[in-house]
Protein backbone atom coordinates (compact mmCIF):
# COMPACT_ATOMS: atom_id res chain seq x y z
CA MET A 1 -8.64 8.88 10.74
CA ALA A 2 -9.48 8.61 7.05
CA CYS A 3 -8.70 11.00 4.25
CA VAL A 4 -9.59 11.31 0.61
CA VAL A 5 -7.21 13.07 -1.74
CA THR A 6 -8.04 13.91 -5.33
CA THR A 7 -5.94 15.33 -8.12
CA THR A 8 -6.99 18.48 -9.92
CA PRO A 9 -5.04 20.61 -12.40
CA LYS A 10 -4.11 22.88 -9.49
CA ASN A 11 -2.66 20.13 -7.23
CA ASN A 12 -1.36 17.62 -9.80
CA GLY A 13 1.57 16.48 -7.63
CA THR A 14 -0.42 15.95 -4.43
CA ILE A 15 -1.16 12.23 -4.90
CA LEU A 16 2.46 11.44 -5.81
CA ASP A 17 3.68 13.45 -2.82
CA ILE A 18 1.32 11.65 -0.44
CA LEU A 19 2.25 8.21 -1.83
CA LYS A 20 5.95 9.04 -1.34
CA ARG A 21 5.26 10.24 2.21
CA ILE A 22 3.33 7.07 3.08
CA ASP A 23 6.13 4.97 1.60
CA ARG A 24 8.79 6.80 3.63
CA MET A 25 6.80 6.58 6.90
CA GLN A 26 6.24 2.84 6.42
CA LYS A 27 9.90 2.20 5.62
CA ASP A 28 10.93 4.18 8.68
CA ALA A 29 8.64 1.98 10.80
CA VAL A 30 10.16 -1.28 9.54
CA ASN A 31 13.62 -2.26 10.76
CA GLN A 32 14.81 -5.42 8.96
CA ASP A 33 18.21 -6.88 8.31
CA LEU A 34 19.45 -6.91 4.71
CA ALA A 35 18.37 -10.53 4.16
CA GLY A 36 14.81 -9.87 5.32
CA ASN A 37 14.86 -13.21 7.14
CA CYS A 38 12.04 -13.76 9.65
CA ASN A 39 14.47 -15.27 12.11
CA THR A 40 16.32 -11.98 12.30
CA CYS A 41 13.54 -9.44 11.74
CA ILE A 42 13.24 -6.80 14.40
CA PHE A 43 9.72 -5.49 14.70
CA SER A 44 8.94 -2.18 16.24
CA PRO A 45 5.78 -2.01 18.34
CA VAL A 46 4.53 0.76 16.04
CA TYR A 47 2.24 0.28 13.08
CA ASN A 48 4.12 -0.23 9.81
CA THR A 49 1.34 0.07 7.22
CA LYS A 50 -1.05 2.83 6.21
CA PRO A 51 -3.72 1.00 4.17
CA ILE A 52 -5.15 2.89 1.23
CA SER A 53 -7.81 2.48 -1.43
CA VAL A 54 -7.04 3.76 -4.91
CA TYR A 55 -9.49 5.42 -7.26
CA THR A 56 -8.95 5.59 -11.02
CA CYS A 57 -11.15 7.26 -13.63
CA ASN A 58 -13.13 3.97 -13.64
CA GLY A 59 -13.76 4.08 -9.88
CA LEU A 60 -12.39 2.02 -7.00
CA LEU A 61 -9.40 -0.14 -8.02
CA THR A 62 -10.24 -3.78 -7.30
CA VAL A 63 -7.99 -6.72 -8.28
CA ASN A 64 -8.00 -10.51 -7.84
CA THR A 65 -5.75 -11.61 -4.99
CA THR A 66 -4.35 -14.50 -7.08
CA ALA A 67 -4.67 -15.71 -10.65
CA ILE A 68 -6.61 -18.81 -9.55
CA ASP A 69 -8.78 -17.23 -6.89
CA THR A 70 -11.89 -15.10 -7.30
CA THR A 71 -11.19 -13.26 -4.05
CA THR A 72 -10.64 -9.57 -4.67
CA ALA A 73 -8.82 -6.79 -2.86
CA ASN A 74 -9.38 -3.05 -2.94
CA VAL A 75 -7.13 -2.10 -0.04
CA PHE A 76 -3.38 -1.81 -0.54
CA ARG A 77 -0.02 -1.12 1.14
CA VAL A 78 2.40 1.20 -0.67
CA GLU A 79 5.59 -0.78 -1.32
CA ALA A 80 7.59 1.50 -3.62
CA VAL A 81 7.03 4.78 -5.43
CA ASN A 82 8.86 6.60 -8.18
CA ASP A 83 7.75 9.55 -10.28
CA GLU A 84 5.86 7.30 -12.71
CA THR A 85 4.66 4.17 -10.91
CA VAL A 86 3.67 2.83 -7.52
CA VAL A 87 3.95 -0.78 -6.36
CA LEU A 88 1.03 -1.77 -4.14
CA ARG A 89 0.77 -4.86 -1.91
CA LEU A 90 -2.72 -6.36 -1.81
CA ILE A 91 -4.45 -6.43 1.57
CA THR A 92 -7.36 -8.77 2.14
CA VAL A 93 -10.23 -7.66 4.34
CA VAL A 94 -12.26 -10.26 6.23
CA GLY A 95 -14.72 -8.68 8.63
CA GLU A 96 -12.61 -6.01 10.29
CA GLU A 97 -9.30 -7.90 9.95
CA LEU A 98 -6.83 -6.63 7.35
CA THR A 99 -4.09 -9.02 6.21
CA CYS A 100 -1.18 -8.21 3.89
CA THR A 101 -0.70 -10.76 1.10
CA ASN A 102 2.42 -11.73 -0.85
CA ASN A 103 0.89 -10.28 -4.04
CA THR A 104 1.69 -6.88 -5.52
CA ILE A 105 0.59 -4.84 -8.51
CA THR A 106 2.20 -1.90 -10.26
CA ILE A 107 0.11 1.05 -11.43
CA LYS A 108 1.00 4.31 -13.14
CA VAL A 109 0.66 7.24 -10.75
CA SER A 110 -0.95 9.23 -13.56
CA CYS A 111 -3.84 6.71 -13.58
CA ILE A 112 -4.69 7.48 -9.96
CA CYS A 113 -7.43 10.08 -9.50
CA GLY A 114 -7.74 9.76 -5.73
CA ILE A 115 -6.71 7.79 -2.66
CA GLN A 116 -8.42 7.06 0.62
CA CYS A 117 -6.31 6.43 3.72
CA PHE A 118 -7.35 4.19 6.62
CA ASP A 119 -6.14 3.71 10.19
CA SER A 120 -2.63 2.26 10.40
CA ILE A 121 -2.10 -1.48 10.92
CA THR A 122 0.83 -3.83 11.42
CA CYS A 123 1.72 -6.17 8.56
CA THR A 124 4.16 -9.03 8.92
CA LEU A 125 6.61 -8.22 6.16
CA CYS A 126 9.22 -10.97 6.46
CA ASN A 127 9.68 -13.07 3.33
CA GLN A 128 7.97 -10.29 1.35
CA THR A 129 9.93 -8.07 -1.00
CA GLY A 130 9.89 -4.33 -1.26
CA ALA A 131 9.42 -3.52 2.40
C-alpha cells in the first residue's frame, strides 16, 4: 500500500505527524539491547521499516550513498524526528531489493513538501545508530 501526503496551509502539521508516527511504529518493531550489539539483538518477525520517498520544492530528494560513490538513493528510513528536523537512513534499491545503508542525512521538516510511503520491509539495524 502506498500513500502520498502533501502539506498545504490547511494541514501544515500532517507531514510532521506522519513522520513521528512512522518513527514510533518502527521503534516499537525493533527490540534491541542498550548496546545494540548484533550478538544480542532480538529481532521480531515483523517488518521494522516503512520506506519513504521525500519530496521538496525541488522535487524528489535524491542523495549520494557515500562521498566517494556516484550511487544515489531516493528511498529512506525514518531514524529520528523532532519538531524541526528528521534523520533519514539511506536505502539502496537494486531491482526490487531494498537494503538499508549505514548512511544518514538530516533534513528540516519545513523543507519537506510531500512523502510517499512504500510497503514495509525488514532492515538489519545492528551496528547502526538511531534505531
